[in-house]
Amino acid sequence: MKLLLLVNASASSVTPRVRVVIQEVLQVEHDVTVAETSRRGHASRLAKGAVADGCDVVVVLGGDGTVNEAANGLAGSSTALGLLPGGSTNVFARTIGFTNDPVEAASELLAALRQPHRSIRRIGLGSANGRYFLFHAGMGFDAAVVEQVERRGSLKRFAGHPLFLYATVDTWLRHYDRTKPHFDIVAGTQEIPGVYFAICIKTNPYTFLGNRPLNVAPEAGLDSGLTIVALQTLSLPTVARVIAATMTGRGGPHLAKYEGLAYASDLTTLDVRGRGLFPYQLDGDYLGEVEQLELRYRPDLLSLVIPVP
């Protein structure tokens, strides 16, 4: 096969040695070209160029943000997306079954590419105001945390999960207004007013704390629609109960029993209407503030390489 190995050299787990070893592993059986991202949005343009050049697979060695950009460049084409975990969390690569070590994952990817009829499948994507996402969109507090992490981007490569935990506490205390709701949501035919924080989930888990997954929407998957989890309060007891439930495998519709929490799944449309500007992020990539978001499920849009048993 003709492969483009798309590398984000700034990602947490990417070193010159890792890059060389992975290139050598893939070149044993495939025609491999290497390209390195150099700025925001570059991965999307490189992926589009790979489609035009007739590449069979774009293999991303980077974090979830780089994967998201590449997916946006490949959406609607027949060129497949392959993943190698190069970031600090690597939610999507781990969700579909790749190990969290990039060199080991390269061997898993190579094995999968030997059986393309089994390993390459079409999946649906979510979209937010026209930009696609693979596993989640965060609105409100979640996005404000990601913004604070990106402000300390030089530390992300070395601090990883401790930086996210610090940013969560710091955002809670200093960088997010918890005194009033920030937006309202229309989820299909259901109206959810007065929301402080919401997550639109395409796959499960929502994220990982180390090796522990946060199972917010266990029924979400590659072939399902969108799931929305919306908090209409940011009281500490409610937030603590939600975190405990997702860490112990009791997420999903079970969450709807908590006061101040709305839950709906397998949706094709979601509209978020701000009470002023609110922050949002897609697949862990902070994208700024908006007054409204149109979230949609788009089926059969991307070819994805998944590990084979």
C-alpha atoms as a PDB file:
ATOM      1  CA  MET A   1       0.000   0.000   0.000  1.00  0.00           C
ATOM      2  CA  LYS A   2       0.949   3.638  -0.424  1.00  0.00           C
ATOM      3  CA  LEU A   3       1.165   5.275   3.015  1.00  0.00           C
ATOM      4  CA  LEU A   4       1.725   8.805   4.270  1.00  0.00           C
ATOM      5  CA  LEU A   5       3.215   8.830   7.773  1.00  0.00           C
ATOM      6  CA  LEU A   6       2.065  12.152   9.189  1.00  0.00           C
ATOM      7  CA  VAL A   7       4.143  13.126  12.242  1.00  0.00           C
ATOM      8  CA  ASN A   8       3.573  15.773  14.900  1.00  0.00           C
ATOM      9  CA  ALA A   9       7.100  16.071  16.292  1.00  0.00           C
ATOM     10  CA  SER A  10       5.841  18.219  19.189  1.00  0.00           C
ATOM     11  CA  ALA A  11       3.513  15.527  20.520  1.00  0.00           C
ATOM     12  CA  SER A  12       4.279  14.114  23.955  1.00  0.00           C
ATOM     13  CA  SER A  13       5.380  10.602  22.972  1.00  0.00           C
ATOM     14  CA  VAL A  14       7.121  11.439  19.685  1.00  0.00           C
ATOM     15  CA  THR A  15      10.915  11.353  19.664  1.00  0.00           C
ATOM     16  CA  PRO A  16      13.335  11.146  16.711  1.00  0.00           C
ATOM     17  CA  ARG A  17      14.053   7.514  17.610  1.00  0.00           C
ATOM     18  CA  VAL A  18      10.356   6.580  17.774  1.00  0.00           C
ATOM     19  CA  ARG A  19       9.759   8.211  14.416  1.00  0.00           C
ATOM     20  CA  VAL A  20      12.643   6.332  12.744  1.00  0.00           C
ATOM     21  CA  VAL A  21      11.670   2.977  14.259  1.00  0.00           C
ATOM     22  CA  ILE A  22       8.050   3.341  13.160  1.00  0.00           C
ATOM     23  CA  GLN A  23       9.044   4.371   9.648  1.00  0.00           C
ATOM     24  CA  GLU A  24      11.293   1.313   9.392  1.00  0.00           C
ATOM     25  CA  VAL A  25       8.515  -0.978  10.661  1.00  0.00           C
ATOM     26  CA  LEU A  26       6.008   0.304   8.102  1.00  0.00           C
ATOM     27  CA  GLN A  27       8.501   0.353   5.204  1.00  0.00           C
ATOM     28  CA  VAL A  28       9.039  -3.390   5.497  1.00  0.00           C
ATOM     29  CA  GLU A  29       5.736  -3.977   3.726  1.00  0.00           C
ATOM     30  CA  HIS A  30       4.586  -0.622   2.327  1.00  0.00           C
ATOM     31  CA  ASP A  31       5.620   2.402   0.282  1.00  0.00           C
ATOM     32  CA  VAL A  32       5.979   5.088   2.987  1.00  0.00           C
ATOM     33  CA  THR A  33       6.351   8.850   2.635  1.00  0.00           C
ATOM     34  CA  VAL A  34       6.894  10.975   5.751  1.00  0.00           C
ATOM     35  CA  ALA A  35       5.507  14.470   6.353  1.00  0.00           C
ATOM     36  CA  GLU A  36       5.775  16.571   9.501  1.00  0.00           C
ATOM     37  CA  THR A  37       3.155  19.036  10.719  1.00  0.00           C
ATOM     38  CA  SER A  38       4.466  22.518  11.436  1.00  0.00           C
ATOM     39  CA  ARG A  39       1.460  24.606  12.428  1.00  0.00           C
ATOM     40  CA  ARG A  40      -2.204  24.494  13.345  1.00  0.00           C
ATOM     41  CA  GLY A  41      -4.347  23.091  10.527  1.00  0.00           C
ATOM     42  CA  HIS A  42      -1.339  21.683   8.664  1.00  0.00           C
ATOM     43  CA  ALA A  43      -2.313  18.043   9.243  1.00  0.00           C
ATOM     44  CA  SER A  44      -5.629  18.596   7.492  1.00  0.00           C
ATOM     45  CA  ARG A  45      -3.927  20.067   4.428  1.00  0.00           C
ATOM     46  CA  LEU A  46      -1.373  17.264   4.334  1.00  0.00           C
ATOM     47  CA  ALA A  47      -4.154  14.675   4.540  1.00  0.00           C
ATOM     48  CA  LYS A  48      -6.009  16.313   1.663  1.00  0.00           C
ATOM     49  CA  GLY A  49      -2.791  16.259  -0.340  1.00  0.00           C
ATOM     50  CA  ALA A  50      -2.432  12.534   0.383  1.00  0.00           C
ATOM     51  CA  VAL A  51      -5.916  11.935  -1.024  1.00  0.00           C
ATOM     52  CA  ALA A  52      -4.989  13.836  -4.190  1.00  0.00           C
ATOM     53  CA  ASP A  53      -1.757  11.800  -4.465  1.00  0.00           C
ATOM     54  CA  GLY A  54      -3.653   8.510  -4.319  1.00  0.00           C
ATOM     55  CA  CYS A  55      -2.468   7.358  -0.897  1.00  0.00           C
ATOM     56  CA  ASP A  56      -4.257   4.322   0.506  1.00  0.00           C
ATOM     57  CA  VAL A  57      -3.713   5.206   4.173  1.00  0.00           C
ATOM     58  CA  VAL A  58      -2.660   8.283   6.147  1.00  0.00           C
ATOM     59  CA  VAL A  59      -0.983   7.097   9.360  1.00  0.00           C
ATOM     60  CA  VAL A  60      -0.947   9.753  12.089  1.00  0.00           C
ATOM     61  CA  LEU A  61       1.783   9.711  14.733  1.00  0.00           C
ATOM     62  CA  GLY A  62       0.559  12.388  17.117  1.00  0.00           C
ATOM     63  CA  GLY A  63      -2.094  13.273  19.653  1.00  0.00           C
ATOM     64  CA  ASP A  64      -5.855  13.543  19.359  1.00  0.00           C
ATOM     65  CA  GLY A  65      -5.706  17.077  17.951  1.00  0.00           C
ATOM     66  CA  THR A  66      -3.528  15.960  15.033  1.00  0.00           C
ATOM     67  CA  VAL A  67      -5.792  12.952  14.469  1.00  0.00           C
ATOM     68  CA  ASN A  68      -8.805  15.268  14.357  1.00  0.00           C
ATOM     69  CA  GLU A  69      -7.186  17.500  11.748  1.00  0.00           C
ATOM     70  CA  ALA A  70      -6.241  14.519   9.592  1.00  0.00           C
ATOM     71  CA  ALA A  71      -9.766  13.102   9.838  1.00  0.00           C
ATOM     72  CA  ASN A  72     -11.152  16.420   8.605  1.00  0.00           C
ATOM     73  CA  GLY A  73      -8.822  16.227   5.613  1.00  0.00           C
ATOM     74  CA  LEU A  74      -9.830  12.636   4.809  1.00  0.00           C
ATOM     75  CA  ALA A  75     -13.596  12.819   5.444  1.00  0.00           C
ATOM     76  CA  GLY A  76     -15.588  11.834   2.373  1.00  0.00           C
ATOM     77  CA  SER A  77     -12.634  10.187   0.630  1.00  0.00           C
ATOM     78  CA  SER A  78     -11.627   6.533   0.282  1.00  0.00           C
ATOM     79  CA  THR A  79      -8.192   7.106   1.854  1.00  0.00           C
ATOM     80  CA  ALA A  80      -8.131   5.425   5.264  1.00  0.00           C
ATOM     81  CA  LEU A  81      -6.970   6.878   8.581  1.00  0.00           C
ATOM     82  CA  GLY A  82      -4.459   4.872  10.636  1.00  0.00           C
ATOM     83  CA  LEU A  83      -3.525   5.822  14.193  1.00  0.00           C
ATOM     84  CA  LEU A  84      -0.341   5.630  16.234  1.00  0.00           C
ATOM     85  CA  PRO A  85      -0.583   7.114  19.760  1.00  0.00           C
ATOM     86  CA  GLY A  86       1.869   9.988  20.022  1.00  0.00           C
ATOM     87  CA  GLY A  87       0.110  12.319  22.452  1.00  0.00           C
ATOM     88  CA  SER A  88      -0.367  12.447  26.198  1.00  0.00           C
ATOM     89  CA  THR A  89      -3.812  10.790  26.315  1.00  0.00           C
ATOM     90  CA  ASN A  90      -4.550   9.288  22.860  1.00  0.00           C
ATOM     91  CA  VAL A  91      -8.248   8.814  23.552  1.00  0.00           C
ATOM     92  CA  PHE A  92      -9.377   7.717  20.101  1.00  0.00           C
ATOM     93  CA  ALA A  93      -6.489   5.343  19.350  1.00  0.00           C
ATOM     94  CA  ARG A  94      -7.056   3.596  22.690  1.00  0.00           C
ATOM     95  CA  THR A  95     -10.818   3.580  22.194  1.00  0.00           C
ATOM     96  CA  ILE A  96     -10.556   1.546  18.993  1.00  0.00           C
ATOM     97  CA  GLY A  97      -8.119  -0.894  20.576  1.00  0.00           C
ATOM     98  CA  PHE A  98      -4.543   0.168  19.875  1.00  0.00           C
ATOM     99  CA  THR A  99      -1.994  -0.113  22.663  1.00  0.00           C
ATOM    100  CA  ASN A 100      -0.767   3.186  24.100  1.00  0.00           C
ATOM    101  CA  ASP A 101       2.861   2.563  23.102  1.00  0.00           C
ATOM    102  CA  PRO A 102       3.510   3.972  19.594  1.00  0.00           C
ATOM    103  CA  VAL A 103       6.076   1.356  18.539  1.00  0.00           C
ATOM    104  CA  GLU A 104       3.892  -1.553  19.679  1.00  0.00           C
ATOM    105  CA  ALA A 105       0.928   0.110  18.000  1.00  0.00           C
ATOM    106  CA  ALA A 106       2.914   0.270  14.743  1.00  0.00           C
ATOM    107  CA  SER A 107       3.202  -3.523  14.784  1.00  0.00           C
ATOM    108  CA  GLU A 108      -0.538  -3.778  15.455  1.00  0.00           C
ATOM    109  CA  LEU A 109      -1.231  -1.419  12.561  1.00  0.00           C
ATOM    110  CA  LEU A 110       1.020  -3.411  10.253  1.00  0.00           C
ATOM    111  CA  ALA A 111      -0.848  -6.603  11.156  1.00  0.00           C
ATOM    112  CA  ALA A 112      -4.176  -4.872  10.521  1.00  0.00           C
ATOM    113  CA  LEU A 113      -3.079  -3.656   7.078  1.00  0.00           C
ATOM    114  CA  ARG A 114      -2.367  -7.243   6.054  1.00  0.00           C
ATOM    115  CA  GLN A 115      -6.117  -7.867   6.308  1.00  0.00           C
ATOM    116  CA  PRO A 116      -7.715  -4.692   4.907  1.00  0.00           C
ATOM    117  CA  HIS A 117     -11.031  -6.460   4.271  1.00  0.00           C
ATOM    118  CA  ARG A 118     -11.310  -6.967   8.043  1.00  0.00           C
ATOM    119  CA  SER A 119      -9.485  -3.948   9.446  1.00  0.00           C
ATOM    120  CA  ILE A 120     -10.677  -1.036   7.295  1.00  0.00           C
ATOM    121  CA  ARG A 121     -14.245   0.022   7.935  1.00  0.00           C
ATOM    122  CA  ARG A 122     -16.394   3.060   7.236  1.00  0.00           C
ATOM    123  CA  ILE A 123     -17.552   5.037  10.252  1.00  0.00           C
ATOM    124  CA  GLY A 124     -19.666   8.089  10.943  1.00  0.00           C
ATOM    125  CA  LEU A 125     -18.420  11.360  12.423  1.00  0.00           C
ATOM    126  CA  GLY A 126     -19.887  14.152  14.450  1.00  0.00           C
ATOM    127  CA  SER A 127     -19.739  17.710  13.181  1.00  0.00           C
ATOM    128  CA  ALA A 128     -19.859  21.054  14.958  1.00  0.00           C
ATOM    129  CA  ASN A 129     -20.535  24.099  12.790  1.00  0.00           C
ATOM    130  CA  GLY A 130     -19.116  22.119   9.879  1.00  0.00           C
ATOM    131  CA  ARG A 131     -15.943  20.782  11.502  1.00  0.00           C
ATOM    132  CA  TYR A 132     -15.821  17.038  12.125  1.00  0.00           C
ATOM    133  CA  PHE A 133     -14.968  15.301  15.370  1.00  0.00           C
ATOM    134  CA  LEU A 134     -14.197  11.662  16.112  1.00  0.00           C
ATOM    135  CA  PHE A 135     -15.079  11.152  19.753  1.00  0.00           C
ATOM    136  CA  HIS A 136     -16.379  14.225  21.547  1.00  0.00           C
ATOM    137  CA  ALA A 137     -17.234  17.903  21.603  1.00  0.00           C
ATOM    138  CA  GLY A 138     -16.988  19.747  24.916  1.00  0.00           C
ATOM    139  CA  MET A 139     -18.872  22.943  25.687  1.00  0.00           C
ATOM    140  CA  GLY A 140     -18.461  25.227  28.675  1.00  0.00           C
ATOM    141  CA  PHE A 141     -16.310  24.126  31.591  1.00  0.00           C
ATOM    142  CA  ASP A 142     -14.693  21.222  29.723  1.00  0.00           C
ATOM    143  CA  ALA A 143     -13.509  23.540  26.960  1.00  0.00           C
ATOM    144  CA  ALA A 144     -12.299  26.132  29.467  1.00  0.00           C
ATOM    145  CA  VAL A 145     -10.050  23.460  31.011  1.00  0.00           C
ATOM    146  CA  VAL A 146      -8.602  22.594  27.590  1.00  0.00           C
ATOM    147  CA  GLU A 147      -7.923  26.278  26.974  1.00  0.00           C
ATOM    148  CA  GLN A 148      -5.912  26.511  30.208  1.00  0.00           C
ATOM    149  CA  VAL A 149      -3.931  23.396  29.262  1.00  0.00           C
ATOM    150  CA  GLU A 150      -3.094  24.876  25.861  1.00  0.00           C
ATOM    151  CA  ARG A 151      -1.927  28.089  27.529  1.00  0.00           C
ATOM    152  CA  ARG A 152       0.711  25.905  29.178  1.00  0.00           C
ATOM    153  CA  GLY A 153       1.471  23.935  26.022  1.00  0.00           C
ATOM    154  CA  SER A 154       5.224  23.826  26.733  1.00  0.00           C
ATOM    155  CA  LEU A 155       4.485  21.756  29.852  1.00  0.00           C
ATOM    156  CA  LYS A 156       2.081  19.330  28.192  1.00  0.00           C
ATOM    157  CA  ARG A 157       4.820  17.147  26.727  1.00  0.00           C
ATOM    158  CA  PHE A 158       6.310  16.517  30.187  1.00  0.00           C
ATOM    159  CA  ALA A 159       3.443  16.959  32.672  1.00  0.00           C
ATOM    160  CA  GLY A 160       0.617  15.196  30.817  1.00  0.00           C
ATOM    161  CA  HIS A 161      -2.157  14.105  33.161  1.00  0.00           C
ATOM    162  CA  PRO A 162      -0.955  16.152  36.179  1.00  0.00           C
ATOM    163  CA  LEU A 163      -1.245  19.273  34.016  1.00  0.00           C
ATOM    164  CA  PHE A 164      -4.851  18.409  33.129  1.00  0.00           C
ATOM    165  CA  LEU A 165      -5.708  17.849  36.790  1.00  0.00           C
ATOM    166  CA  TYR A 166      -4.072  21.153  37.769  1.00  0.00           C
ATOM    167  CA  ALA A 167      -5.901  22.980  34.953  1.00  0.00           C
ATOM    168  CA  THR A 168      -9.227  21.463  36.042  1.00  0.00           C
ATOM    169  CA  VAL A 169      -8.845  22.754  39.604  1.00  0.00           C
ATOM    170  CA  ASP A 170      -7.471  26.119  38.476  1.00  0.00           C
ATOM    171  CA  THR A 171     -10.318  26.585  35.978  1.00  0.00           C
ATOM    172  CA  TRP A 172     -12.900  25.654  38.618  1.00  0.00           C
ATOM    173  CA  LEU A 173     -11.497  28.217  41.034  1.00  0.00           C
ATOM    174  CA  ARG A 174     -10.514  31.091  38.756  1.00  0.00           C
ATOM    175  CA  HIS A 175     -11.364  30.764  35.062  1.00  0.00           C
ATOM    176  CA  TYR A 176     -15.009  29.771  34.669  1.00  0.00           C
ATOM    177  CA  ASP A 177     -18.157  31.543  35.827  1.00  0.00           C
ATOM    178  CA  ARG A 178     -20.108  28.991  37.866  1.00  0.00           C
ATOM    179  CA  THR A 179     -22.763  31.450  38.997  1.00  0.00           C
ATOM    180  CA  LYS A 180     -24.971  31.273  35.897  1.00  0.00           C
ATOM    181  CA  PRO A 181     -25.828  28.913  33.011  1.00  0.00           C
ATOM    182  CA  HIS A 182     -24.020  29.543  29.736  1.00  0.00           C
ATOM    183  CA  PHE A 183     -26.311  28.007  27.093  1.00  0.00           C
ATOM    184  CA  ASP A 184     -29.478  26.054  26.257  1.00  0.00           C
ATOM    185  CA  ILE A 185     -29.659  22.865  24.185  1.00  0.00           C
ATOM    186  CA  VAL A 186     -32.211  21.384  21.816  1.00  0.00           C
ATOM    187  CA  ALA A 187     -31.485  17.648  21.549  1.00  0.00           C
ATOM    188  CA  GLY A 188     -33.729  16.297  18.836  1.00  0.00           C
ATOM    189  CA  THR A 189     -37.180  17.133  20.237  1.00  0.00           C
ATOM    190  CA  GLN A 190     -35.954  17.540  23.827  1.00  0.00           C
ATOM    191  CA  GLU A 191     -35.193  20.977  25.257  1.00  0.00           C
ATOM    192  CA  ILE A 192     -32.495  21.262  27.933  1.00  0.00           C
ATOM    193  CA  PRO A 193     -32.435  24.798  29.387  1.00  0.00           C
ATOM    194  CA  GLY A 194     -29.891  26.433  31.657  1.00  0.00           C
ATOM    195  CA  VAL A 195     -26.763  24.370  30.977  1.00  0.00           C
ATOM    196  CA  TYR A 196     -23.389  25.094  32.603  1.00  0.00           C
ATOM    197  CA  PHE A 197     -21.355  22.344  30.956  1.00  0.00           C
ATOM    198  CA  ALA A 198     -22.091  19.724  28.292  1.00  0.00           C
ATOM    199  CA  ILE A 199     -20.330  16.931  26.432  1.00  0.00           C
ATOM    200  CA  CYS A 200     -21.478  15.615  23.065  1.00  0.00           C
ATOM    201  CA  ILE A 201     -20.065  12.118  22.775  1.00  0.00           C
ATOM    202  CA  LYS A 202     -19.497  10.090  19.609  1.00  0.00           C
ATOM    203  CA  THR A 203     -17.608   7.118  21.122  1.00  0.00           C
ATOM    204  CA  ASN A 204     -16.860   5.819  24.596  1.00  0.00           C
ATOM    205  CA  PRO A 205     -14.856   6.406  26.781  1.00  0.00           C
ATOM    206  CA  TYR A 206     -14.965  10.175  27.045  1.00  0.00           C
ATOM    207  CA  THR A 207     -11.318  10.266  28.148  1.00  0.00           C
ATOM    208  CA  PHE A 208      -8.749   8.420  30.256  1.00  0.00           C
ATOM    209  CA  LEU A 209      -7.223   9.250  33.633  1.00  0.00           C
ATOM    210  CA  GLY A 210      -3.999   7.301  33.280  1.00  0.00           C
ATOM    211  CA  ASN A 211      -5.157   3.793  32.444  1.00  0.00           C
ATOM    212  CA  ARG A 212      -8.654   4.303  33.846  1.00  0.00           C
ATOM    213  CA  PRO A 213     -11.366   5.112  31.276  1.00  0.00           C
ATOM    214  CA  LEU A 214     -14.195   7.534  32.055  1.00  0.00           C
ATOM    215  CA  ASN A 215     -17.200   5.630  30.710  1.00  0.00           C
ATOM    216  CA  VAL A 216     -19.705   8.455  30.301  1.00  0.00           C
ATOM    217  CA  ALA A 217     -21.753   6.876  27.484  1.00  0.00           C
ATOM    218  CA  PRO A 218     -21.094   3.100  27.232  1.00  0.00           C
ATOM    219  CA  GLU A 219     -23.673   2.700  24.455  1.00  0.00           C
ATOM    220  CA  ALA A 220     -21.856   5.173  22.168  1.00  0.00           C
ATOM    221  CA  GLY A 221     -19.780   3.651  19.380  1.00  0.00           C
ATOM    222  CA  LEU A 222     -18.347   4.030  15.901  1.00  0.00           C
ATOM    223  CA  ASP A 223     -21.733   3.333  14.300  1.00  0.00           C
ATOM    224  CA  SER A 224     -24.000   5.171  16.737  1.00  0.00           C
ATOM    225  CA  GLY A 225     -25.360   8.701  16.707  1.00  0.00           C
ATOM    226  CA  LEU A 226     -24.535  11.446  19.189  1.00  0.00           C
ATOM    227  CA  THR A 227     -24.995  11.315  22.962  1.00  0.00           C
ATOM    228  CA  ILE A 228     -25.390  14.463  25.040  1.00  0.00           C
ATOM    229  CA  VAL A 229     -24.602  14.774  28.746  1.00  0.00           C
ATOM    230  CA  ALA A 230     -25.591  18.196  30.064  1.00  0.00           C
ATOM    231  CA  LEU A 231     -25.103  19.529  33.596  1.00  0.00           C
ATOM    232  CA  GLN A 232     -27.647  22.098  34.692  1.00  0.00           C
ATOM    233  CA  THR A 233     -25.700  22.649  37.893  1.00  0.00           C
ATOM    234  CA  LEU A 234     -22.034  22.675  38.814  1.00  0.00           C
ATOM    235  CA  SER A 235     -22.591  21.859  42.467  1.00  0.00           C
ATOM    236  CA  LEU A 236     -19.751  19.786  43.894  1.00  0.00           C
ATOM    237  CA  PRO A 237     -21.998  16.890  45.055  1.00  0.00           C
ATOM    238  CA  THR A 238     -23.476  16.472  41.557  1.00  0.00           C
ATOM    239  CA  VAL A 239     -20.114  16.720  39.816  1.00  0.00           C
ATOM    240  CA  ALA A 240     -18.543  14.255  42.277  1.00  0.00           C
ATOM    241  CA  ARG A 241     -21.355  11.730  41.770  1.00  0.00           C
ATOM    242  CA  VAL A 242     -21.010  11.951  37.990  1.00  0.00           C
ATOM    243  CA  ILE A 243     -17.227  11.441  38.125  1.00  0.00           C
ATOM    244  CA  ALA A 244     -17.591   8.499  40.503  1.00  0.00           C
ATOM    245  CA  ALA A 245     -20.239   6.885  38.291  1.00  0.00           C
ATOM    246  CA  THR A 246     -18.178   7.193  35.108  1.00  0.00           C
ATOM    247  CA  MET A 247     -15.033   5.839  36.800  1.00  0.00           C
ATOM    248  CA  THR A 248     -16.862   2.772  38.121  1.00  0.00           C
ATOM    249  CA  GLY A 249     -18.665   1.855  34.898  1.00  0.00           C
ATOM    250  CA  ARG A 250     -22.064   3.265  35.896  1.00  0.00           C
ATOM    251  CA  GLY A 251     -22.341   5.952  33.242  1.00  0.00           C
ATOM    252  CA  GLY A 252     -24.900   5.994  30.453  1.00  0.00           C
ATOM    253  CA  PRO A 253     -28.652   6.491  30.958  1.00  0.00           C
ATOM    254  CA  HIS A 254     -28.074   5.783  34.660  1.00  0.00           C
ATOM    255  CA  LEU A 255     -26.711   9.339  34.932  1.00  0.00           C
ATOM    256  CA  ALA A 256     -30.109  10.840  34.123  1.00  0.00           C
ATOM    257  CA  LYS A 257     -31.344   9.971  37.617  1.00  0.00           C
ATOM    258  CA  TYR A 258     -29.140  12.693  39.094  1.00  0.00           C
ATOM    259  CA  GLU A 259     -30.854  16.005  39.713  1.00  0.00           C
ATOM    260  CA  GLY A 260     -29.594  18.714  37.392  1.00  0.00           C
ATOM    261  CA  LEU A 261     -28.284  16.327  34.735  1.00  0.00           C
ATOM    262  CA  ALA A 262     -29.824  15.618  31.299  1.00  0.00           C
ATOM    263  CA  TYR A 263     -28.890  12.652  29.113  1.00  0.00           C
ATOM    264  CA  ALA A 264     -29.985  11.660  25.601  1.00  0.00           C
ATOM    265  CA  SER A 265     -28.407   9.242  23.115  1.00  0.00           C
ATOM    266  CA  ASP A 266     -28.365   8.171  19.455  1.00  0.00           C
ATOM    267  CA  LEU A 267     -29.193  11.659  18.227  1.00  0.00           C
ATOM    268  CA  THR A 268     -28.661  13.038  14.739  1.00  0.00           C
ATOM    269  CA  THR A 269     -29.094  16.738  15.591  1.00  0.00           C
ATOM    270  CA  LEU A 270     -28.182  18.975  18.517  1.00  0.00           C
ATOM    271  CA  ASP A 271     -28.391  22.745  18.681  1.00  0.00           C
ATOM    272  CA  VAL A 272     -26.608  24.738  21.382  1.00  0.00           C
ATOM    273  CA  ARG A 273     -27.745  28.327  21.864  1.00  0.00           C
ATOM    274  CA  GLY A 274     -25.498  30.495  23.985  1.00  0.00           C
ATOM    275  CA  ARG A 275     -26.551  33.037  26.569  1.00  0.00           C
ATOM    276  CA  GLY A 276     -23.600  35.022  25.316  1.00  0.00           C
ATOM    277  CA  LEU A 277     -20.321  33.541  24.130  1.00  0.00           C
ATOM    278  CA  PHE A 278     -19.217  30.131  25.413  1.00  0.00           C
ATOM    279  CA  PRO A 279     -16.014  28.101  24.819  1.00  0.00           C
ATOM    280  CA  TYR A 280     -15.903  24.803  22.976  1.00  0.00           C
ATOM    281  CA  GLN A 281     -13.403  22.106  21.999  1.00  0.00           C
ATOM    282  CA  LEU A 282     -13.411  19.179  19.594  1.00  0.00           C
ATOM    283  CA  ASP A 283     -11.422  16.008  20.331  1.00  0.00           C
ATOM    284  CA  GLY A 284      -9.363  17.903  22.901  1.00  0.00           C
ATOM    285  CA  ASP A 285      -8.562  20.826  20.580  1.00  0.00           C
ATOM    286  CA  TYR A 286      -9.699  24.227  21.906  1.00  0.00           C
ATOM    287  CA  LEU A 287     -11.439  26.224  19.161  1.00  0.00           C
ATOM    288  CA  GLY A 288     -12.457  29.451  20.886  1.00  0.00           C
ATOM    289  CA  GLU A 289     -15.834  30.953  21.823  1.00  0.00           C
ATOM    290  CA  VAL A 290     -19.092  30.947  19.862  1.00  0.00           C
ATOM    291  CA  GLU A 291     -22.688  32.051  20.326  1.00  0.00           C
ATOM    292  CA  GLN A 292     -24.166  28.820  18.963  1.00  0.00           C
ATOM    293  CA  LEU A 293     -23.207  25.365  17.730  1.00  0.00           C
ATOM    294  CA  GLU A 294     -24.973  23.083  15.293  1.00  0.00           C
ATOM    295  CA  LEU A 295     -23.969  19.508  16.092  1.00  0.00           C
ATOM    296  CA  ARG A 296     -24.810  16.786  13.587  1.00  0.00           C
ATOM    297  CA  TYR A 297     -24.151  13.093  13.058  1.00  0.00           C
ATOM    298  CA  ARG A 298     -22.746  12.294   9.600  1.00  0.00           C
ATOM    299  CA  PRO A 299     -22.799   8.545   8.777  1.00  0.00           C
ATOM    300  CA  ASP A 300     -20.432   6.611   6.505  1.00  0.00           C
ATOM    301  CA  LEU A 301     -17.899   9.404   6.168  1.00  0.00           C
ATOM    302  CA  LEU A 302     -14.439   8.057   7.028  1.00  0.00           C
ATOM    303  CA  SER A 303     -12.442   4.883   6.392  1.00  0.00           C
ATOM    304  CA  LEU A 304     -10.671   3.834   9.588  1.00  0.00           C
ATOM    305  CA  VAL A 305      -8.031   1.189  10.253  1.00  0.00           C
ATOM    306  CA  ILE A 306      -8.833  -0.759  13.421  1.00  0.00           C
ATOM    307  CA  PRO A 307      -6.787  -3.534  15.082  1.00  0.00           C
ATOM    308  CA  VAL A 308      -7.723  -7.104  14.216  1.00  0.00           C
ATOM    309  CA  PRO A 309      -7.835  -9.895  16.838  1.00  0.00           C
END
